């Protein structure tokens, strides 16, 4: 990949936050999640419970990013986040679902 393409890719990914949820399939309840960014100055967020404090931390972590990115985020993660709290509905404004990027 050339330098221009690398710079463009870094610019796009720099505006993304990647989220992955762990959901109890029987209760449809989030029990853990992680969120990461490309920014080396930002620590990854890993939470093993999703009480109000955990969801609040995720909400704060996602502030300022243009896109939420994840594998099957459209049909899995975003619906669970929206059900957990209405504040996460805004994450669906410009998601990037890596499931649809696979061949």
PDB file of N, CA and C in Angstrom:
ATOM      1  N   UNK A   1       0.849  -1.169   0.000  1.00  0.00           N
ATOM      2  CA  UNK A   1       0.000   0.000   0.000  1.00  0.00           C
ATOM      3  C   UNK A   1       0.899   1.237   0.000  1.00  0.00           C
ATOM      4  N   UNK A   2       0.522   2.237  -0.792  1.00  0.00           N
ATOM      5  CA  UNK A   2       1.369   3.417  -0.848  1.00  0.00           C
ATOM      6  C   UNK A   2       1.101   4.358   0.325  1.00  0.00           C
ATOM      7  N   UNK A   3       1.948   5.356   0.436  1.00  0.00           N
ATOM      8  CA  UNK A   3       1.892   6.269   1.579  1.00  0.00           C
ATOM      9  C   UNK A   3       0.568   7.041   1.632  1.00  0.00           C
ATOM     10  N   UNK A   4       0.052   7.456   0.492  1.00  0.00           N
ATOM     11  CA  UNK A   4      -1.215   8.195   0.445  1.00  0.00           C
ATOM     12  C   UNK A   4      -2.361   7.312   0.931  1.00  0.00           C
ATOM     13  N   UNK A   5      -2.397   6.069   0.477  1.00  0.00           N
ATOM     14  CA  UNK A   5      -3.445   5.145   0.904  1.00  0.00           C
ATOM     15  C   UNK A   5      -3.337   4.867   2.396  1.00  0.00           C
ATOM     16  N   UNK A   6      -2.126   4.706   2.920  1.00  0.00           N
ATOM     17  CA  UNK A   6      -1.940   4.492   4.356  1.00  0.00           C
ATOM     18  C   UNK A   6      -2.425   5.682   5.165  1.00  0.00           C
ATOM     19  N   UNK A   7      -2.127   6.885   4.686  1.00  0.00           N
ATOM     20  CA  UNK A   7      -2.565   8.098   5.383  1.00  0.00           C
ATOM     21  C   UNK A   7      -4.079   8.205   5.369  1.00  0.00           C
ATOM     22  N   UNK A   8      -4.691   7.909   4.243  1.00  0.00           N
ATOM     23  CA  UNK A   8      -6.154   7.970   4.141  1.00  0.00           C
ATOM     24  C   UNK A   8      -6.818   6.926   5.048  1.00  0.00           C
ATOM     25  N   UNK A   9      -6.258   5.718   5.051  1.00  0.00           N
ATOM     26  CA  UNK A   9      -6.787   4.662   5.913  1.00  0.00           C
ATOM     27  C   UNK A   9      -6.663   5.055   7.381  1.00  0.00           C
ATOM     28  N   UNK A  10      -5.531   5.584   7.776  1.00  0.00           N
ATOM     29  CA  UNK A  10      -5.332   6.012   9.162  1.00  0.00           C
ATOM     30  C   UNK A  10      -6.292   7.139   9.521  1.00  0.00           C
ATOM     31  N   UNK A  11      -6.567   8.036   8.576  1.00  0.00           N
ATOM     32  CA  UNK A  11      -7.506   9.133   8.826  1.00  0.00           C
ATOM     33  C   UNK A  11      -8.910   8.592   9.086  1.00  0.00           C
ATOM     34  N   UNK A  12      -9.349   7.658   8.256  1.00  0.00           N
ATOM     35  CA  UNK A  12     -10.683   7.072   8.428  1.00  0.00           C
ATOM     36  C   UNK A  12     -10.767   6.298   9.733  1.00  0.00           C
ATOM     37  N   UNK A  13      -9.799   5.418   9.980  1.00  0.00           N
ATOM     38  CA  UNK A  13      -9.827   4.611  11.201  1.00  0.00           C
ATOM     39  C   UNK A  13      -9.646   5.466  12.449  1.00  0.00           C
ATOM     40  N   UNK A  14      -8.969   6.584  12.321  1.00  0.00           N
ATOM     41  CA  UNK A  14      -8.810   7.498  13.450  1.00  0.00           C
ATOM     42  C   UNK A  14     -10.118   8.132  13.897  1.00  0.00           C
ATOM     43  N   UNK A  15     -11.115   8.093  13.032  1.00  0.00           N
ATOM     44  CA  UNK A  15     -12.434   8.640  13.366  1.00  0.00           C
ATOM     45  C   UNK A  15     -13.417   7.557  13.784  1.00  0.00           C
ATOM     46  N   UNK A  16     -12.896   6.329  14.008  1.00  0.00           N
ATOM     47  CA  UNK A  16     -13.739   5.185  14.351  1.00  0.00           C
ATOM     48  C   UNK A  16     -13.451   4.681  15.759  1.00  0.00           C
ATOM     49  N   UNK A  17     -14.486   4.172  16.389  1.00  0.00           N
ATOM     50  CA  UNK A  17     -14.335   3.426  17.636  1.00  0.00           C
ATOM     51  C   UNK A  17     -14.893   2.035  17.354  1.00  0.00           C
ATOM     52  N   UNK A  18     -14.127   1.024  17.699  1.00  0.00           N
ATOM     53  CA  UNK A  18     -14.538  -0.355  17.473  1.00  0.00           C
ATOM     54  C   UNK A  18     -15.115  -0.929  18.758  1.00  0.00           C
ATOM     55  N   UNK A  19     -16.276  -1.544  18.645  1.00  0.00           N
ATOM     56  CA  UNK A  19     -16.979  -2.090  19.814  1.00  0.00           C
ATOM     57  C   UNK A  19     -17.287  -3.558  19.574  1.00  0.00           C
ATOM     58  N   UNK A  20     -17.151  -4.350  20.625  1.00  0.00           N
ATOM     59  CA  UNK A  20     -17.557  -5.753  20.593  1.00  0.00           C
ATOM     60  C   UNK A  20     -18.290  -6.058  21.896  1.00  0.00           C
ATOM     61  N   UNK A  21     -19.470  -6.643  21.779  1.00  0.00           N
ATOM     62  CA  UNK A  21     -20.279  -6.990  22.951  1.00  0.00           C
ATOM     63  C   UNK A  21     -20.286  -8.492  23.173  1.00  0.00           C
ATOM     64  N   UNK A  22     -20.403  -8.868  24.420  1.00  0.00           N
ATOM     65  CA  UNK A  22     -20.696 -10.251  24.791  1.00  0.00           C
ATOM     66  C   UNK A  22     -22.107 -10.233  25.367  1.00  0.00           C
ATOM     67  N   UNK A  23     -22.983 -11.046  24.774  1.00  0.00           N
ATOM     68  CA  UNK A  23     -24.398 -11.025  25.134  1.00  0.00           C
ATOM     69  C   UNK A  23     -24.852 -12.422  25.536  1.00  0.00           C
ATOM     70  N   UNK A  24     -25.562 -12.509  26.646  1.00  0.00           N
ATOM     71  CA  UNK A  24     -26.164 -13.768  27.089  1.00  0.00           C
ATOM     72  C   UNK A  24     -27.318 -14.071  26.136  1.00  0.00           C
ATOM     73  N   UNK A  25     -27.225 -15.134  25.327  1.00  0.00           N
ATOM     74  CA  UNK A  25     -28.265 -15.403  24.336  1.00  0.00           C
ATOM     75  C   UNK A  25     -29.618 -15.762  24.950  1.00  0.00           C
ATOM     76  N   UNK A  26     -29.623 -16.302  26.145  1.00  0.00           N
ATOM     77  CA  UNK A  26     -30.896 -16.664  26.775  1.00  0.00           C
ATOM     78  C   UNK A  26     -31.637 -15.452  27.314  1.00  0.00           C
ATOM     79  N   UNK A  27     -30.895 -14.473  27.809  1.00  0.00           N
ATOM     80  CA  UNK A  27     -31.518 -13.289  28.417  1.00  0.00           C
ATOM     81  C   UNK A  27     -31.431 -12.052  27.527  1.00  0.00           C
ATOM     82  N   UNK A  28     -30.701 -12.155  26.414  1.00  0.00           N
ATOM     83  CA  UNK A  28     -30.459 -11.014  25.522  1.00  0.00           C
ATOM     84  C   UNK A  28     -29.912  -9.832  26.304  1.00  0.00           C
ATOM     85  N   UNK A  29     -29.000 -10.119  27.227  1.00  0.00           N
ATOM     86  CA  UNK A  29     -28.443  -9.104  28.117  1.00  0.00           C
ATOM     87  C   UNK A  29     -26.932  -9.019  27.911  1.00  0.00           C
ATOM     88  N   UNK A  30     -26.431  -7.798  27.777  1.00  0.00           N
ATOM     89  CA  UNK A  30     -24.995  -7.571  27.644  1.00  0.00           C
ATOM     90  C   UNK A  30     -24.340  -7.879  28.988  1.00  0.00           C
ATOM     91  N   UNK A  31     -23.285  -8.705  28.960  1.00  0.00           N
ATOM     92  CA  UNK A  31     -22.588  -8.966  30.222  1.00  0.00           C
ATOM     93  C   UNK A  31     -21.132  -8.518  30.196  1.00  0.00           C
ATOM     94  N   UNK A  32     -20.631  -8.138  29.043  1.00  0.00           N
ATOM     95  CA  UNK A  32     -19.273  -7.604  28.938  1.00  0.00           C
ATOM     96  C   UNK A  32     -19.128  -6.932  27.574  1.00  0.00           C
ATOM     97  N   UNK A  33     -18.150  -6.036  27.475  1.00  0.00           N
ATOM     98  CA  UNK A  33     -17.875  -5.406  26.191  1.00  0.00           C
ATOM     99  C   UNK A  33     -16.465  -4.839  26.189  1.00  0.00           C
ATOM    100  N   UNK A  34     -16.006  -4.532  24.988  1.00  0.00           N
ATOM    101  CA  UNK A  34     -14.716  -3.877  24.810  1.00  0.00           C
ATOM    102  C   UNK A  34     -14.876  -2.830  23.724  1.00  0.00           C
ATOM    103  N   UNK A  35     -14.104  -1.763  23.849  1.00  0.00           N
ATOM    104  CA  UNK A  35     -14.076  -0.717  22.835  1.00  0.00           C
ATOM    105  C   UNK A  35     -12.628  -0.273  22.668  1.00  0.00           C
ATOM    106  N   UNK A  36     -12.221  -0.090  21.422  1.00  0.00           N
ATOM    107  CA  UNK A  36     -10.842   0.305  21.125  1.00  0.00           C
ATOM    108  C   UNK A  36     -10.845   1.360  20.029  1.00  0.00           C
ATOM    109  N   UNK A  37      -9.753   2.120  19.996  1.00  0.00           N
ATOM    110  CA  UNK A  37      -9.543   3.105  18.938  1.00  0.00           C
ATOM    111  C   UNK A  37      -8.144   2.940  18.393  1.00  0.00           C
ATOM    112  N   UNK A  38      -7.883   3.601  17.277  1.00  0.00           N
ATOM    113  CA  UNK A  38      -6.554   3.586  16.680  1.00  0.00           C
ATOM    114  C   UNK A  38      -5.597   4.502  17.442  1.00  0.00           C
ATOM    115  N   UNK A  39      -6.125   5.431  18.204  1.00  0.00           N
ATOM    116  CA  UNK A  39      -5.331   6.422  18.924  1.00  0.00           C
ATOM    117  C   UNK A  39      -4.443   5.746  19.972  1.00  0.00           C
ATOM    118  N   UNK A  40      -3.111   5.803  19.805  1.00  0.00           N
ATOM    119  CA  UNK A  40      -2.231   5.150  20.782  1.00  0.00           C
ATOM    120  C   UNK A  40      -2.276   5.811  22.157  1.00  0.00           C
ATOM    121  N   UNK A  41      -2.771   7.024  22.241  1.00  0.00           N
ATOM    122  CA  UNK A  41      -2.871   7.719  23.526  1.00  0.00           C
ATOM    123  C   UNK A  41      -4.130   7.388  24.301  1.00  0.00           C
ATOM    124  N   UNK A  42      -5.013   6.594  23.711  1.00  0.00           N
ATOM    125  CA  UNK A  42      -6.268   6.224  24.357  1.00  0.00           C
ATOM    126  C   UNK A  42      -6.195   4.761  24.775  1.00  0.00           C
ATOM    127  N   UNK A  43      -6.408   4.510  26.045  1.00  0.00           N
ATOM    128  CA  UNK A  43      -6.422   3.131  26.537  1.00  0.00           C
ATOM    129  C   UNK A  43      -7.677   2.423  26.055  1.00  0.00           C
ATOM    130  N   UNK A  44      -7.563   1.135  25.818  1.00  0.00           N
ATOM    131  CA  UNK A  44      -8.734   0.340  25.459  1.00  0.00           C
ATOM    132  C   UNK A  44      -9.693   0.300  26.640  1.00  0.00           C
ATOM    133  N   UNK A  45     -10.964   0.164  26.350  1.00  0.00           N
ATOM    134  CA  UNK A  45     -11.990   0.057  27.385  1.00  0.00           C
ATOM    135  C   UNK A  45     -12.500  -1.377  27.392  1.00  0.00           C
ATOM    136  N   UNK A  46     -12.331  -2.072  28.500  1.00  0.00           N
ATOM    137  CA  UNK A  46     -12.836  -3.429  28.662  1.00  0.00           C
ATOM    138  C   UNK A  46     -13.636  -3.460  29.947  1.00  0.00           C
ATOM    139  N   UNK A  47     -14.900  -3.854  29.848  1.00  0.00           N
ATOM    140  CA  UNK A  47     -15.784  -3.870  31.008  1.00  0.00           C
ATOM    141  C   UNK A  47     -16.433  -5.242  31.109  1.00  0.00           C
ATOM    142  N   UNK A  48     -16.331  -5.859  32.269  1.00  0.00           N
ATOM    143  CA  UNK A  48     -16.884  -7.196  32.478  1.00  0.00           C
ATOM    144  C   UNK A  48     -18.233  -7.180  33.170  1.00  0.00           C
ATOM    145  N   UNK A  49     -18.863  -6.049  33.212  1.00  0.00           N
ATOM    146  CA  UNK A  49     -20.247  -5.960  33.688  1.00  0.00           C
ATOM    147  C   UNK A  49     -20.844  -4.730  33.021  1.00  0.00           C
ATOM    148  N   UNK A  50     -22.142  -4.692  32.934  1.00  0.00           N
ATOM    149  CA  UNK A  50     -22.751  -3.577  32.204  1.00  0.00           C
ATOM    150  C   UNK A  50     -23.794  -2.854  33.032  1.00  0.00           C
ATOM    151  N   UNK A  51     -23.513  -2.666  34.272  1.00  0.00           N
ATOM    152  CA  UNK A  51     -24.393  -1.823  35.070  1.00  0.00           C
ATOM    153  C   UNK A  51     -24.362  -0.408  34.519  1.00  0.00           C
ATOM    154  N   UNK A  52     -25.030   0.493  35.183  1.00  0.00           N
ATOM    155  CA  UNK A  52     -25.083   1.882  34.716  1.00  0.00           C
ATOM    156  C   UNK A  52     -23.701   2.486  34.560  1.00  0.00           C
ATOM    157  N   UNK A  53     -22.798   2.154  35.460  1.00  0.00           N
ATOM    158  CA  UNK A  53     -21.450   2.705  35.395  1.00  0.00           C
ATOM    159  C   UNK A  53     -20.725   2.236  34.134  1.00  0.00           C
ATOM    160  N   UNK A  54     -20.816   0.959  33.821  1.00  0.00           N
ATOM    161  CA  UNK A  54     -20.155   0.427  32.629  1.00  0.00           C
ATOM    162  C   UNK A  54     -20.690   1.044  31.352  1.00  0.00           C
ATOM    163  N   UNK A  55     -22.007   1.159  31.244  1.00  0.00           N
ATOM    164  CA  UNK A  55     -22.607   1.759  30.050  1.00  0.00           C
ATOM    165  C   UNK A  55     -22.266   3.241  29.956  1.00  0.00           C
ATOM    166  N   UNK A  56     -22.185   3.914  31.085  1.00  0.00           N
ATOM    167  CA  UNK A  56     -21.797   5.327  31.090  1.00  0.00           C
ATOM    168  C   UNK A  56     -20.350   5.475  30.591  1.00  0.00           C
ATOM    169  N   UNK A  57     -19.475   4.581  31.037  1.00  0.00           N
ATOM    170  CA  UNK A  57     -18.082   4.618  30.573  1.00  0.00           C
ATOM    171  C   UNK A  57     -18.009   4.406  29.063  1.00  0.00           C
ATOM    172  N   UNK A  58     -18.823   3.484  28.535  1.00  0.00           N
ATOM    173  CA  UNK A  58     -18.846   3.245  27.092  1.00  0.00           C
ATOM    174  C   UNK A  58     -19.358   4.472  26.353  1.00  0.00           C
ATOM    175  N   UNK A  59     -20.392   5.081  26.866  1.00  0.00           N
ATOM    176  CA  UNK A  59     -20.947   6.280  26.252  1.00  0.00           C
ATOM    177  C   UNK A  59     -19.880   7.378  26.176  1.00  0.00           C
ATOM    178  N   UNK A  60     -19.164   7.607  27.247  1.00  0.00           N
ATOM    179  CA  UNK A  60     -18.106   8.625  27.264  1.00  0.00           C
ATOM    180  C   UNK A  60     -16.979   8.262  26.304  1.00  0.00           C
ATOM    181  N   UNK A  61     -16.621   6.996  26.256  1.00  0.00           N
ATOM    182  CA  UNK A  61     -15.547   6.522  25.389  1.00  0.00           C
ATOM    183  C   UNK A  61     -15.876   6.776  23.922  1.00  0.00           C
ATOM    184  N   UNK A  62     -17.133   6.654  23.551  1.00  0.00           N
ATOM    185  CA  UNK A  62     -17.556   6.777  22.150  1.00  0.00           C
ATOM    186  C   UNK A  62     -17.732   8.223  21.697  1.00  0.00           C
ATOM    187  N   UNK A  63     -17.699   9.161  22.611  1.00  0.00           N
ATOM    188  CA  UNK A  63     -17.904  10.561  22.255  1.00  0.00           C
ATOM    189  C   UNK A  63     -16.797  11.058  21.332  1.00  0.00           C
ATOM    190  N   UNK A  64     -17.177  11.808  20.313  1.00  0.00           N
ATOM    191  CA  UNK A  64     -16.204  12.432  19.425  1.00  0.00           C
ATOM    192  C   UNK A  64     -15.784  11.593  18.228  1.00  0.00           C
ATOM    193  N   UNK A  65     -16.301  10.395  18.109  1.00  0.00           N
ATOM    194  CA  UNK A  65     -15.967   9.561  16.954  1.00  0.00           C
ATOM    195  C   UNK A  65     -17.089   9.647  15.929  1.00  0.00           C
ATOM    196  N   UNK A  66     -16.718   9.597  14.657  1.00  0.00           N
ATOM    197  CA  UNK A  66     -17.704   9.690  13.577  1.00  0.00           C
ATOM    198  C   UNK A  66     -18.387   8.357  13.288  1.00  0.00           C
ATOM    199  N   UNK A  67     -17.672   7.268  13.527  1.00  0.00           N
ATOM    200  CA  UNK A  67     -18.187   5.952  13.157  1.00  0.00           C
ATOM    201  C   UNK A  67     -17.945   4.943  14.273  1.00  0.00           C
ATOM    202  N   UNK A  68     -18.901   4.073  14.454  1.00  0.00           N
ATOM    203  CA  UNK A  68     -18.700   2.895  15.285  1.00  0.00           C
ATOM    204  C   UNK A  68     -18.485   1.745  14.314  1.00  0.00           C
ATOM    205  N   UNK A  69     -17.497   0.919  14.612  1.00  0.00           N
ATOM    206  CA  UNK A  69     -17.143  -0.162  13.702  1.00  0.00           C
ATOM    207  C   UNK A  69     -17.166  -1.481  14.475  1.00  0.00           C
ATOM    208  N   UNK A  70     -17.606  -2.532  13.807  1.00  0.00           N
ATOM    209  CA  UNK A  70     -17.629  -3.834  14.461  1.00  0.00           C
ATOM    210  C   UNK A  70     -18.113  -4.911  13.503  1.00  0.00           C
ATOM    211  N   UNK A  71     -17.857  -6.141  13.883  1.00  0.00           N
ATOM    212  CA  UNK A  71     -18.280  -7.281  13.081  1.00  0.00           C
ATOM    213  C   UNK A  71     -19.711  -7.651  13.458  1.00  0.00           C
ATOM    214  N   UNK A  72     -20.608  -7.545  12.508  1.00  0.00           N
ATOM    215  CA  UNK A  72     -22.048  -7.775  12.699  1.00  0.00           C
ATOM    216  C   UNK A  72     -22.660  -6.763  13.665  1.00  0.00           C
ATOM    217  N   UNK A  73     -22.137  -5.556  13.629  1.00  0.00           N
ATOM    218  CA  UNK A  73     -22.601  -4.514  14.543  1.00  0.00           C
ATOM    219  C   UNK A  73     -24.031  -4.066  14.223  1.00  0.00           C
ATOM    220  N   UNK A  74     -24.432  -4.155  12.942  1.00  0.00           N
ATOM    221  CA  UNK A  74     -25.779  -3.712  12.565  1.00  0.00           C
ATOM    222  C   UNK A  74     -26.875  -4.636  13.097  1.00  0.00           C
ATOM    223  N   UNK A  75     -26.655  -5.921  13.039  1.00  0.00           N
ATOM    224  CA  UNK A  75     -27.700  -6.877  13.439  1.00  0.00           C
ATOM    225  C   UNK A  75     -27.502  -7.439  14.841  1.00  0.00           C
ATOM    226  N   UNK A  76     -26.387  -7.118  15.484  1.00  0.00           N
ATOM    227  CA  UNK A  76     -26.133  -7.667  16.815  1.00  0.00           C
ATOM    228  C   UNK A  76     -25.874  -6.573  17.849  1.00  0.00           C
ATOM    229  N   UNK A  77     -24.723  -5.928  17.761  1.00  0.00           N
ATOM    230  CA  UNK A  77     -24.295  -5.011  18.816  1.00  0.00           C
ATOM    231  C   UNK A  77     -25.188  -3.772  18.961  1.00  0.00           C
ATOM    232  N   UNK A  78     -25.472  -3.095  17.867  1.00  0.00           N
ATOM    233  CA  UNK A  78     -26.275  -1.867  17.970  1.00  0.00           C
ATOM    234  C   UNK A  78     -27.682  -2.109  18.518  1.00  0.00           C
ATOM    235  N   UNK A  79     -28.400  -3.150  18.091  1.00  0.00           N
ATOM    236  CA  UNK A  79     -29.714  -3.391  18.699  1.00  0.00           C
ATOM    237  C   UNK A  79     -29.631  -3.655  20.215  1.00  0.00           C
ATOM    238  N   UNK A  80     -28.608  -4.384  20.648  1.00  0.00           N
ATOM    239  CA  UNK A  80     -28.455  -4.643  22.090  1.00  0.00           C
ATOM    240  C   UNK A  80     -28.105  -3.364  22.844  1.00  0.00           C
ATOM    241  N   UNK A  81     -27.245  -2.527  22.259  1.00  0.00           N
ATOM    242  CA  UNK A  81     -26.901  -1.265  22.919  1.00  0.00           C
ATOM    243  C   UNK A  81     -28.103  -0.337  22.992  1.00  0.00           C
ATOM    244  N   UNK A  82     -28.874  -0.253  21.921  1.00  0.00           N
ATOM    245  CA  UNK A  82     -30.065   0.606  21.920  1.00  0.00           C
ATOM    246  C   UNK A  82     -31.090   0.126  22.938  1.00  0.00           C
ATOM    247  N   UNK A  83     -31.206  -1.188  23.106  1.00  0.00           N
ATOM    248  CA  UNK A  83     -32.134  -1.727  24.104  1.00  0.00           C
ATOM    249  C   UNK A  83     -31.650  -1.439  25.522  1.00  0.00           C
ATOM    250  N   UNK A  84     -30.325  -1.392  25.710  1.00  0.00           N
ATOM    251  CA  UNK A  84     -29.766  -1.128  27.041  1.00  0.00           C
ATOM    252  C   UNK A  84     -29.921   0.336  27.443  1.00  0.00           C
ATOM    253  N   UNK A  85     -29.818   1.237  26.459  1.00  0.00           N
ATOM    254  CA  UNK A  85     -29.937   2.662  26.757  1.00  0.00           C
ATOM    255  C   UNK A  85     -30.175   3.441  25.467  1.00  0.00           C
ATOM    256  N   UNK A  86     -31.122   4.351  25.507  1.00  0.00           N
ATOM    257  CA  UNK A  86     -31.452   5.156  24.326  1.00  0.00           C
ATOM    258  C   UNK A  86     -30.279   6.030  23.884  1.00  0.00           C
ATOM    259  N   UNK A  87     -29.345   6.308  24.782  1.00  0.00           N
ATOM    260  CA  UNK A  87     -28.212   7.172  24.409  1.00  0.00           C
ATOM    261  C   UNK A  87     -27.331   6.542  23.328  1.00  0.00           C
ATOM    262  N   UNK A  88     -27.436   5.219  23.132  1.00  0.00           N
ATOM    263  CA  UNK A  88     -26.608   4.552  22.136  1.00  0.00           C
ATOM    264  C   UNK A  88     -27.242   4.532  20.746  1.00  0.00           C
ATOM    265  N   UNK A  89     -28.448   5.014  20.603  1.00  0.00           N
ATOM    266  CA  UNK A  89     -29.118   5.052  19.301  1.00  0.00           C
ATOM    267  C   UNK A  89     -28.306   5.891  18.314  1.00  0.00           C
ATOM    268  N   UNK A  90     -27.674   6.948  18.788  1.00  0.00           N
ATOM    269  CA  UNK A  90     -26.881   7.820  17.911  1.00  0.00           C
ATOM    270  C   UNK A  90     -25.704   7.087  17.273  1.00  0.00           C
ATOM    271  N   UNK A  91     -25.240   6.002  17.874  1.00  0.00           N
ATOM    272  CA  UNK A  91     -24.137   5.244  17.286  1.00  0.00           C
ATOM    273  C   UNK A  91     -24.523   4.650  15.935  1.00  0.00           C
ATOM    274  N   UNK A  92     -25.810   4.511  15.683  1.00  0.00           N
ATOM    275  CA  UNK A  92     -26.284   3.924  14.429  1.00  0.00           C
ATOM    276  C   UNK A  92     -26.328   4.939  13.287  1.00  0.00           C
ATOM    277  N   UNK A  93     -25.894   6.166  13.541  1.00  0.00           N
ATOM    278  CA  UNK A  93     -25.927   7.187  12.489  1.00  0.00           C
ATOM    279  C   UNK A  93     -24.983   6.880  11.332  1.00  0.00           C
ATOM    280  N   UNK A  94     -23.805   6.339  11.609  1.00  0.00           N
ATOM    281  CA  UNK A  94     -22.833   6.070  10.549  1.00  0.00           C
ATOM    282  C   UNK A  94     -21.966   4.861  10.900  1.00  0.00           C
ATOM    283  N   UNK A  95     -22.588   3.694  11.096  1.00  0.00           N
ATOM    284  CA  UNK A  95     -21.800   2.518  11.484  1.00  0.00           C
ATOM    285  C   UNK A  95     -21.058   1.905  10.292  1.00  0.00           C
ATOM    286  N   UNK A  96     -20.002   1.192  10.607  1.00  0.00           N
ATOM    287  CA  UNK A  96     -19.279   0.406   9.611  1.00  0.00           C
ATOM    288  C   UNK A  96     -19.298  -1.031  10.110  1.00  0.00           C
ATOM    289  N   UNK A  97     -19.970  -1.898   9.367  1.00  0.00           N
ATOM    290  CA  UNK A  97     -20.103  -3.295   9.765  1.00  0.00           C
ATOM    291  C   UNK A  97     -19.110  -4.120   8.959  1.00  0.00           C
ATOM    292  N   UNK A  98     -18.110  -4.668   9.634  1.00  0.00           N
ATOM    293  CA  UNK A  98     -17.077  -5.433   8.919  1.00  0.00           C
ATOM    294  C   UNK A  98     -17.592  -6.752   8.370  1.00  0.00           C
ATOM    295  N   UNK A  99     -18.743  -7.220   8.849  1.00  0.00           N
ATOM    296  CA  UNK A  99     -19.336  -8.423   8.270  1.00  0.00           C
ATOM    297  C   UNK A  99     -19.621  -8.217   6.794  1.00  0.00           C
ATOM    298  N   UNK A 100     -20.072  -7.022   6.441  1.00  0.00           N
ATOM    299  CA  UNK A 100     -20.418  -6.722   5.056  1.00  0.00           C
ATOM    300  C   UNK A 100     -19.185  -6.419   4.196  1.00  0.00           C
ATOM    301  N   UNK A 101     -18.021  -6.233   4.834  1.00  0.00           N
ATOM    302  CA  UNK A 101     -16.789  -6.002   4.083  1.00  0.00           C
ATOM    303  C   UNK A 101     -16.105  -7.302   3.682  1.00  0.00           C
ATOM    304  N   UNK A 102     -16.504  -8.400   4.297  1.00  0.00           N
ATOM    305  CA  UNK A 102     -15.918  -9.700   3.957  1.00  0.00           C
ATOM    306  C   UNK A 102     -16.415 -10.163   2.588  1.00  0.00           C
ATOM    307  N   UNK A 103     -15.552 -10.872   1.833  1.00  0.00           N
ATOM    308  CA  UNK A 103     -15.991 -11.341   0.513  1.00  0.00           C
ATOM    309  C   UNK A 103     -17.063 -12.407   0.626  1.00  0.00           C
TER     310      UNK A 103
END
